Amino acid sequence: MKLAIGCDHGGFLLKESVKKFLDERGVEYKDFGCYDEKSVDYPLVAEEVANSIVSGEFERGLLFCGTGIGISISANKVKGIRAACCSDCFSAKATRQHNDANILCMGGRVVGPGLANDMVSLFLDTPFLGGRHQRRIDLIKDIEDRN
């Protein structure tokens, strides 16, 4: 699996920690920035990561900001993206099973490195269940098409 990852200044340290975990797991990724703790505008990073996923260049993504909220809202503006802001393992697993989320968002000021690694593992390893959940994903796509 190829991942696209990115962050703003509030998520930089958590992103860097997760990158080490991805390296240990042998997961291929591209880091779209930012590359230090200087202030940046998270919507621009979110859009770049999201576009790389809908284009098919990457399968899934990880985004980090201070809370995970702003960057998830931004990513979800891109048609075809289902970005989920999670801060617990149950949600990280469920968003794959039920929502077929393609981006996991986390807050560097909310989630610690150990929990982040556990959530990333669940996000990468959990398949979409399909079935009744596919019908709901199709309804989400219908909303995107109408708007």
N, C-alpha and C. Protein backbone atom coordinates (compact mmCIF):
# COMPACT_ATOMS: atom_id res chain seq x y z
N MET A 1 0.84 -1.18 0.00
CA MET A 1 0.00 0.00 0.00
C MET A 1 0.88 1.24 0.00
N LYS A 2 0.50 2.20 -0.83
CA LYS A 2 1.21 3.47 -0.89
C LYS A 2 0.37 4.55 -0.21
N LEU A 3 1.00 5.28 0.71
CA LEU A 3 0.31 6.31 1.47
C LEU A 3 0.80 7.70 1.09
N ALA A 4 -0.12 8.64 1.13
CA ALA A 4 0.20 10.06 1.04
C ALA A 4 0.03 10.62 2.45
N ILE A 5 1.00 11.36 2.94
CA ILE A 5 0.90 11.92 4.28
C ILE A 5 1.22 13.41 4.25
N GLY A 6 0.64 14.12 5.21
CA GLY A 6 0.91 15.53 5.30
C GLY A 6 0.44 16.10 6.63
N CYS A 7 0.85 17.33 6.89
CA CYS A 7 0.51 17.95 8.17
C CYS A 7 0.64 19.46 8.09
N ASP A 8 0.16 20.11 9.12
CA ASP A 8 0.52 21.50 9.35
C ASP A 8 1.47 21.53 10.54
N HIS A 9 1.80 22.72 10.99
CA HIS A 9 2.75 22.88 12.09
C HIS A 9 2.28 22.20 13.38
N GLY A 10 0.96 22.19 13.64
CA GLY A 10 0.44 21.56 14.85
C GLY A 10 0.50 20.05 14.84
N GLY A 11 0.62 19.46 13.66
CA GLY A 11 0.70 18.01 13.55
C GLY A 11 2.06 17.50 13.15
N PHE A 12 3.02 18.42 13.00
CA PHE A 12 4.34 18.05 12.49
C PHE A 12 5.03 16.97 13.34
N LEU A 13 5.09 17.16 14.65
CA LEU A 13 5.82 16.19 15.49
C LEU A 13 5.16 14.82 15.46
N LEU A 14 3.83 14.77 15.44
CA LEU A 14 3.15 13.48 15.38
C LEU A 14 3.38 12.82 14.02
N LYS A 15 3.34 13.59 12.96
CA LYS A 15 3.62 13.04 11.63
C LYS A 15 5.02 12.44 11.58
N GLU A 16 5.99 13.14 12.12
CA GLU A 16 7.37 12.64 12.12
C GLU A 16 7.48 11.33 12.91
N SER A 17 6.77 11.24 14.02
CA SER A 17 6.76 10.01 14.81
C SER A 17 6.12 8.87 14.03
N VAL A 18 5.01 9.13 13.37
CA VAL A 18 4.32 8.10 12.59
C VAL A 18 5.17 7.68 11.39
N LYS A 19 5.92 8.59 10.80
CA LYS A 19 6.80 8.21 9.70
C LYS A 19 7.81 7.16 10.13
N LYS A 20 8.36 7.28 11.34
CA LYS A 20 9.29 6.27 11.85
C LYS A 20 8.60 4.91 11.97
N PHE A 21 7.36 4.94 12.44
CA PHE A 21 6.57 3.71 12.56
C PHE A 21 6.32 3.11 11.17
N LEU A 22 5.97 3.92 10.20
CA LEU A 22 5.75 3.43 8.84
C LEU A 22 7.03 2.84 8.27
N ASP A 23 8.16 3.48 8.53
CA ASP A 23 9.44 2.94 8.07
C ASP A 23 9.70 1.57 8.68
N GLU A 24 9.41 1.41 9.97
CA GLU A 24 9.60 0.12 10.64
C GLU A 24 8.72 -0.96 10.03
N ARG A 25 7.52 -0.58 9.62
CA ARG A 25 6.58 -1.53 9.00
C ARG A 25 6.87 -1.76 7.53
N GLY A 26 7.73 -0.96 6.95
CA GLY A 26 8.03 -1.09 5.53
C GLY A 26 6.93 -0.55 4.63
N VAL A 27 6.17 0.42 5.12
CA VAL A 27 5.08 1.02 4.34
C VAL A 27 5.64 2.16 3.49
N GLU A 28 5.33 2.13 2.21
CA GLU A 28 5.77 3.17 1.29
C GLU A 28 4.88 4.40 1.44
N TYR A 29 5.48 5.57 1.48
CA TYR A 29 4.71 6.80 1.60
C TYR A 29 5.43 7.96 0.95
N LYS A 30 4.67 9.00 0.67
CA LYS A 30 5.24 10.27 0.23
C LYS A 30 4.79 11.34 1.22
N ASP A 31 5.71 12.13 1.69
CA ASP A 31 5.43 13.20 2.64
C ASP A 31 5.22 14.50 1.86
N PHE A 32 4.00 15.03 1.92
CA PHE A 32 3.65 16.26 1.22
C PHE A 32 3.88 17.51 2.09
N GLY A 33 4.54 17.34 3.24
CA GLY A 33 4.83 18.48 4.11
C GLY A 33 3.75 18.67 5.16
N CYS A 34 3.96 19.60 6.02
CA CYS A 34 5.07 20.52 6.08
C CYS A 34 6.30 19.81 6.67
N TYR A 35 7.43 20.51 6.65
CA TYR A 35 8.68 19.88 7.00
C TYR A 35 9.35 20.46 8.24
N ASP A 36 8.63 21.31 8.95
CA ASP A 36 9.10 21.86 10.22
C ASP A 36 7.90 22.45 10.96
N GLU A 37 8.15 23.10 12.06
CA GLU A 37 7.05 23.62 12.89
C GLU A 37 6.68 25.07 12.58
N LYS A 38 7.15 25.60 11.45
CA LYS A 38 6.74 26.94 11.05
C LYS A 38 5.29 26.90 10.58
N SER A 39 4.56 27.95 10.89
CA SER A 39 3.14 28.02 10.58
C SER A 39 2.88 27.86 9.08
N VAL A 40 1.94 26.98 8.74
CA VAL A 40 1.49 26.78 7.36
C VAL A 40 -0.03 26.69 7.35
N ASP A 41 -0.61 26.81 6.18
CA ASP A 41 -2.06 26.73 6.01
C ASP A 41 -2.45 25.29 5.68
N TYR A 42 -3.08 24.62 6.64
CA TYR A 42 -3.41 23.20 6.48
C TYR A 42 -4.33 22.88 5.30
N PRO A 43 -5.24 23.77 4.87
CA PRO A 43 -6.08 23.39 3.73
C PRO A 43 -5.28 23.07 2.47
N LEU A 44 -4.16 23.74 2.27
CA LEU A 44 -3.36 23.50 1.08
C LEU A 44 -2.71 22.12 1.11
N VAL A 45 -2.23 21.72 2.27
CA VAL A 45 -1.63 20.39 2.42
C VAL A 45 -2.71 19.32 2.26
N ALA A 46 -3.86 19.54 2.89
CA ALA A 46 -4.96 18.58 2.80
C ALA A 46 -5.40 18.36 1.36
N GLU A 47 -5.51 19.45 0.62
CA GLU A 47 -5.94 19.34 -0.78
C GLU A 47 -4.93 18.56 -1.61
N GLU A 48 -3.66 18.81 -1.40
CA GLU A 48 -2.63 18.11 -2.18
C GLU A 48 -2.65 16.61 -1.89
N VAL A 49 -2.74 16.24 -0.61
CA VAL A 49 -2.82 14.82 -0.25
C VAL A 49 -4.09 14.20 -0.81
N ALA A 50 -5.22 14.87 -0.65
CA ALA A 50 -6.50 14.33 -1.14
C ALA A 50 -6.47 14.13 -2.65
N ASN A 51 -5.95 15.10 -3.38
CA ASN A 51 -5.89 14.96 -4.83
C ASN A 51 -5.00 13.81 -5.26
N SER A 52 -3.94 13.54 -4.51
CA SER A 52 -3.06 12.44 -4.86
C SER A 52 -3.75 11.08 -4.67
N ILE A 53 -4.74 11.06 -3.81
CA ILE A 53 -5.50 9.82 -3.58
C ILE A 53 -6.57 9.65 -4.65
N VAL A 54 -7.36 10.68 -4.92
CA VAL A 54 -8.41 10.54 -5.93
C VAL A 54 -7.83 10.32 -7.33
N SER A 55 -6.59 10.77 -7.55
CA SER A 55 -5.94 10.54 -8.85
C SER A 55 -5.49 9.10 -9.01
N GLY A 56 -5.43 8.35 -7.89
CA GLY A 56 -4.98 6.97 -7.93
C GLY A 56 -3.50 6.79 -7.69
N GLU A 57 -2.78 7.91 -7.51
CA GLU A 57 -1.34 7.81 -7.26
C GLU A 57 -1.07 7.11 -5.92
N PHE A 58 -1.94 7.36 -4.94
CA PHE A 58 -1.83 6.73 -3.62
C PHE A 58 -3.17 6.11 -3.24
N GLU A 59 -3.11 5.07 -2.41
CA GLU A 59 -4.33 4.37 -2.01
C GLU A 59 -5.04 5.04 -0.85
N ARG A 60 -4.27 5.47 0.13
CA ARG A 60 -4.84 6.09 1.33
C ARG A 60 -3.90 7.17 1.81
N GLY A 61 -4.39 7.93 2.81
CA GLY A 61 -3.59 9.00 3.34
C GLY A 61 -3.69 9.16 4.84
N LEU A 62 -2.72 9.88 5.37
CA LEU A 62 -2.70 10.26 6.79
C LEU A 62 -2.46 11.76 6.83
N LEU A 63 -3.30 12.46 7.58
CA LEU A 63 -3.15 13.91 7.74
C LEU A 63 -3.14 14.27 9.22
N PHE A 64 -2.35 15.26 9.56
CA PHE A 64 -2.17 15.67 10.95
C PHE A 64 -2.24 17.19 11.06
N CYS A 65 -2.99 17.68 12.02
CA CYS A 65 -2.95 19.10 12.39
C CYS A 65 -3.06 19.14 13.91
N GLY A 66 -3.31 20.28 14.48
CA GLY A 66 -3.38 20.37 15.94
C GLY A 66 -4.45 19.49 16.54
N THR A 67 -5.64 19.51 15.95
CA THR A 67 -6.75 18.70 16.45
C THR A 67 -7.14 17.58 15.50
N GLY A 68 -6.75 17.68 14.24
CA GLY A 68 -7.20 16.74 13.21
C GLY A 68 -8.48 17.19 12.55
N ILE A 69 -9.15 18.16 13.13
CA ILE A 69 -10.47 18.58 12.64
C ILE A 69 -10.36 19.43 11.38
N GLY A 70 -9.59 20.51 11.44
CA GLY A 70 -9.50 21.40 10.29
C GLY A 70 -8.98 20.73 9.05
N ILE A 71 -7.98 19.88 9.22
CA ILE A 71 -7.39 19.22 8.06
C ILE A 71 -8.34 18.17 7.49
N SER A 72 -9.17 17.56 8.34
CA SER A 72 -10.16 16.60 7.84
C SER A 72 -11.28 17.32 7.09
N ILE A 73 -11.73 18.45 7.61
CA ILE A 73 -12.75 19.23 6.92
C ILE A 73 -12.24 19.63 5.53
N SER A 74 -11.00 20.09 5.47
CA SER A 74 -10.41 20.50 4.20
C SER A 74 -10.32 19.34 3.22
N ALA A 75 -9.82 18.21 3.66
CA ALA A 75 -9.67 17.04 2.78
C ALA A 75 -11.02 16.58 2.25
N ASN A 76 -12.05 16.66 3.07
CA ASN A 76 -13.38 16.21 2.66
C ASN A 76 -14.03 17.10 1.62
N LYS A 77 -13.44 18.23 1.32
CA LYS A 77 -13.96 19.09 0.25
C LYS A 77 -13.60 18.54 -1.13
N VAL A 78 -12.67 17.60 -1.18
CA VAL A 78 -12.25 17.00 -2.45
C VAL A 78 -13.17 15.81 -2.74
N LYS A 79 -13.82 15.86 -3.90
CA LYS A 79 -14.75 14.80 -4.29
C LYS A 79 -14.05 13.44 -4.29
N GLY A 80 -14.65 12.48 -3.63
CA GLY A 80 -14.10 11.13 -3.56
C GLY A 80 -13.32 10.86 -2.30
N ILE A 81 -13.15 11.87 -1.48
CA ILE A 81 -12.40 11.68 -0.23
C ILE A 81 -13.38 11.45 0.92
N ARG A 82 -13.02 10.48 1.74
CA ARG A 82 -13.73 10.21 2.99
C ARG A 82 -12.67 10.23 4.08
N ALA A 83 -12.43 11.43 4.60
CA ALA A 83 -11.42 11.64 5.63
C ALA A 83 -12.09 11.60 6.99
N ALA A 84 -11.53 10.82 7.90
CA ALA A 84 -12.10 10.66 9.23
C ALA A 84 -11.11 11.16 10.28
N CYS A 85 -11.57 12.06 11.12
CA CYS A 85 -10.77 12.54 12.25
C CYS A 85 -11.03 11.60 13.41
N CYS A 86 -10.01 10.90 13.85
CA CYS A 86 -10.16 9.90 14.92
C CYS A 86 -9.16 10.17 16.04
N SER A 87 -9.56 9.81 17.24
CA SER A 87 -8.65 9.91 18.38
C SER A 87 -8.72 8.68 19.26
N ASP A 88 -9.26 7.57 18.71
CA ASP A 88 -9.31 6.31 19.44
C ASP A 88 -9.27 5.15 18.45
N CYS A 89 -8.89 3.99 18.93
CA CYS A 89 -8.73 2.81 18.07
C CYS A 89 -10.05 2.30 17.52
N PHE A 90 -11.11 2.34 18.32
CA PHE A 90 -12.40 1.86 17.85
C PHE A 90 -12.83 2.63 16.60
N SER A 91 -12.71 3.96 16.65
CA SER A 91 -13.12 4.79 15.52
C SER A 91 -12.23 4.56 14.30
N ALA A 92 -10.93 4.42 14.52
CA ALA A 92 -10.01 4.19 13.40
C ALA A 92 -10.34 2.89 12.68
N LYS A 93 -10.72 1.88 13.42
CA LYS A 93 -11.11 0.60 12.81
C LYS A 93 -12.48 0.70 12.15
N ALA A 94 -13.43 1.29 12.85
CA ALA A 94 -14.80 1.38 12.34
C ALA A 94 -14.88 2.23 11.07
N THR A 95 -14.06 3.27 10.99
CA THR A 95 -14.14 4.12 9.81
C THR A 95 -13.66 3.40 8.56
N ARG A 96 -12.81 2.41 8.72
CA ARG A 96 -12.44 1.57 7.58
C ARG A 96 -13.55 0.55 7.30
N GLN A 97 -14.02 -0.12 8.33
CA GLN A 97 -15.03 -1.16 8.15
C GLN A 97 -16.33 -0.60 7.56
N HIS A 98 -16.81 0.50 8.10
CA HIS A 98 -18.14 1.00 7.77
C HIS A 98 -18.14 2.13 6.75
N ASN A 99 -17.11 2.97 6.76
CA ASN A 99 -17.10 4.17 5.92
C ASN A 99 -16.13 4.11 4.76
N ASP A 100 -15.32 3.06 4.69
CA ASP A 100 -14.29 2.93 3.67
C ASP A 100 -13.47 4.21 3.58
N ALA A 101 -13.14 4.77 4.75
CA ALA A 101 -12.37 6.01 4.80
C ALA A 101 -11.04 5.82 4.06
N ASN A 102 -10.66 6.85 3.32
CA ASN A 102 -9.39 6.76 2.61
C ASN A 102 -8.33 7.71 3.18
N ILE A 103 -8.70 8.52 4.15
CA ILE A 103 -7.72 9.34 4.88
C ILE A 103 -8.04 9.29 6.37
N LEU A 104 -7.03 9.03 7.16
CA LEU A 104 -7.14 9.10 8.62
C LEU A 104 -6.49 10.40 9.07
N CYS A 105 -7.23 11.19 9.83
CA CYS A 105 -6.73 12.47 10.35
C CYS A 105 -6.60 12.39 11.86
N MET A 106 -5.53 12.97 12.37
CA MET A 106 -5.29 12.97 13.81
C MET A 106 -4.76 14.32 14.25
N GLY A 107 -4.96 14.60 15.53
CA GLY A 107 -4.47 15.84 16.10
C GLY A 107 -3.21 15.63 16.90
N GLY A 108 -2.18 16.36 16.56
CA GLY A 108 -0.92 16.28 17.29
C GLY A 108 -1.02 16.77 18.72
N ARG A 109 -2.05 17.55 19.02
CA ARG A 109 -2.26 18.04 20.38
C ARG A 109 -3.31 17.22 21.11
N VAL A 110 -3.76 16.13 20.47
CA VAL A 110 -4.82 15.28 21.02
C VAL A 110 -4.35 13.85 21.22
N VAL A 111 -3.59 13.33 20.25
CA VAL A 111 -3.20 11.92 20.21
C VAL A 111 -1.70 11.80 20.44
N GLY A 112 -1.30 10.88 21.31
CA GLY A 112 0.11 10.61 21.53
C GLY A 112 0.66 9.63 20.51
N PRO A 113 1.98 9.51 20.44
CA PRO A 113 2.61 8.67 19.42
C PRO A 113 2.23 7.19 19.48
N GLY A 114 2.14 6.63 20.66
CA GLY A 114 1.80 5.20 20.76
C GLY A 114 0.40 4.93 20.26
N LEU A 115 -0.55 5.74 20.68
CA LEU A 115 -1.92 5.60 20.21
C LEU A 115 -2.00 5.84 18.71
N ALA A 116 -1.28 6.83 18.22
CA ALA A 116 -1.28 7.11 16.78
C ALA A 116 -0.82 5.90 15.99
N ASN A 117 0.24 5.24 16.45
CA ASN A 117 0.74 4.06 15.75
C ASN A 117 -0.31 2.94 15.74
N ASP A 118 -0.98 2.74 16.87
CA ASP A 118 -2.04 1.73 16.93
C ASP A 118 -3.17 2.06 15.96
N MET A 119 -3.55 3.33 15.91
CA MET A 119 -4.62 3.75 15.01
C MET A 119 -4.22 3.58 13.55
N VAL A 120 -2.99 3.92 13.23
CA VAL A 120 -2.50 3.75 11.86
C VAL A 120 -2.52 2.28 11.48
N SER A 121 -2.08 1.41 12.37
CA SER A 121 -2.12 -0.03 12.08
C SER A 121 -3.53 -0.49 11.76
N LEU A 122 -4.47 -0.08 12.58
CA LEU A 122 -5.86 -0.47 12.34
C LEU A 122 -6.37 0.10 11.01
N PHE A 123 -6.04 1.35 10.74
CA PHE A 123 -6.47 1.99 9.50
C PHE A 123 -5.90 1.28 8.28
N LEU A 124 -4.66 0.83 8.36
CA LEU A 124 -4.03 0.17 7.23
C LEU A 124 -4.48 -1.28 7.07
N ASP A 125 -4.73 -1.95 8.17
CA ASP A 125 -4.98 -3.40 8.15
C ASP A 125 -6.45 -3.80 8.10
N THR A 126 -7.36 -2.87 8.33
CA THR A 126 -8.78 -3.21 8.41
C THR A 126 -9.44 -3.03 7.05
N PRO A 127 -10.09 -4.09 6.56
CA PRO A 127 -10.78 -3.97 5.27
C PRO A 127 -12.17 -3.34 5.42
N PHE A 128 -12.66 -2.79 4.33
CA PHE A 128 -14.03 -2.30 4.24
C PHE A 128 -14.95 -3.51 4.20
N LEU A 129 -16.02 -3.50 4.97
CA LEU A 129 -16.92 -4.65 5.06
C LEU A 129 -17.89 -4.75 3.89
N GLY A 130 -18.14 -3.65 3.20
CA GLY A 130 -19.08 -3.69 2.08
C GLY A 130 -20.50 -3.94 2.58
N GLY A 131 -21.27 -4.73 1.83
CA GLY A 131 -22.64 -5.05 2.22
C GLY A 131 -23.49 -3.80 2.40
N ARG A 132 -24.20 -3.74 3.52
CA ARG A 132 -25.08 -2.60 3.77
C ARG A 132 -24.30 -1.28 3.84
N HIS A 133 -23.03 -1.37 4.16
CA HIS A 133 -22.20 -0.17 4.25
C HIS A 133 -21.91 0.40 2.85
N GLN A 134 -21.84 -0.45 1.85
CA GLN A 134 -21.61 0.03 0.48
C GLN A 134 -22.76 0.92 0.03
N ARG A 135 -23.98 0.54 0.40
CA ARG A 135 -25.14 1.35 0.05
C ARG A 135 -24.99 2.77 0.59
N ARG A 136 -24.46 2.88 1.78
CA ARG A 136 -24.29 4.20 2.40
C ARG A 136 -23.16 4.98 1.74
N ILE A 137 -22.10 4.30 1.34
CA ILE A 137 -21.03 4.97 0.60
C ILE A 137 -21.57 5.49 -0.73
N ASP A 138 -22.42 4.68 -1.37
CA ASP A 138 -23.03 5.13 -2.63
C ASP A 138 -23.91 6.36 -2.41
N LEU A 139 -24.60 6.42 -1.28
CA LEU A 139 -25.41 7.61 -0.97
C LEU A 139 -24.53 8.84 -0.75
N ILE A 140 -23.37 8.64 -0.12
CA ILE A 140 -22.43 9.75 0.05
C ILE A 140 -21.97 10.24 -1.32
N LYS A 141 -21.67 9.31 -2.21
CA LYS A 141 -21.24 9.68 -3.57
C LYS A 141 -22.35 10.45 -4.29
N ASP A 142 -23.61 10.04 -4.10
CA ASP A 142 -24.74 10.75 -4.69
C ASP A 142 -24.81 12.18 -4.20
N ILE A 143 -24.58 12.39 -2.92
CA ILE A 143 -24.57 13.75 -2.35
C ILE A 143 -23.48 14.57 -3.03
N GLU A 144 -22.27 13.98 -3.16
CA GLU A 144 -21.16 14.69 -3.83
C GLU A 144 -21.56 15.08 -5.27
N ASP A 145 -22.20 14.16 -5.97
CA ASP A 145 -22.56 14.42 -7.37
C ASP A 145 -23.61 15.52 -7.48
N ARG A 146 -24.51 15.59 -6.54
CA ARG A 146 -25.57 16.61 -6.58
C ARG A 146 -25.06 17.99 -6.18
N ASN A 147 -23.94 18.02 -5.46
CA ASN A 147 -23.44 19.30 -4.96
C ASN A 147 -22.11 19.60 -5.58
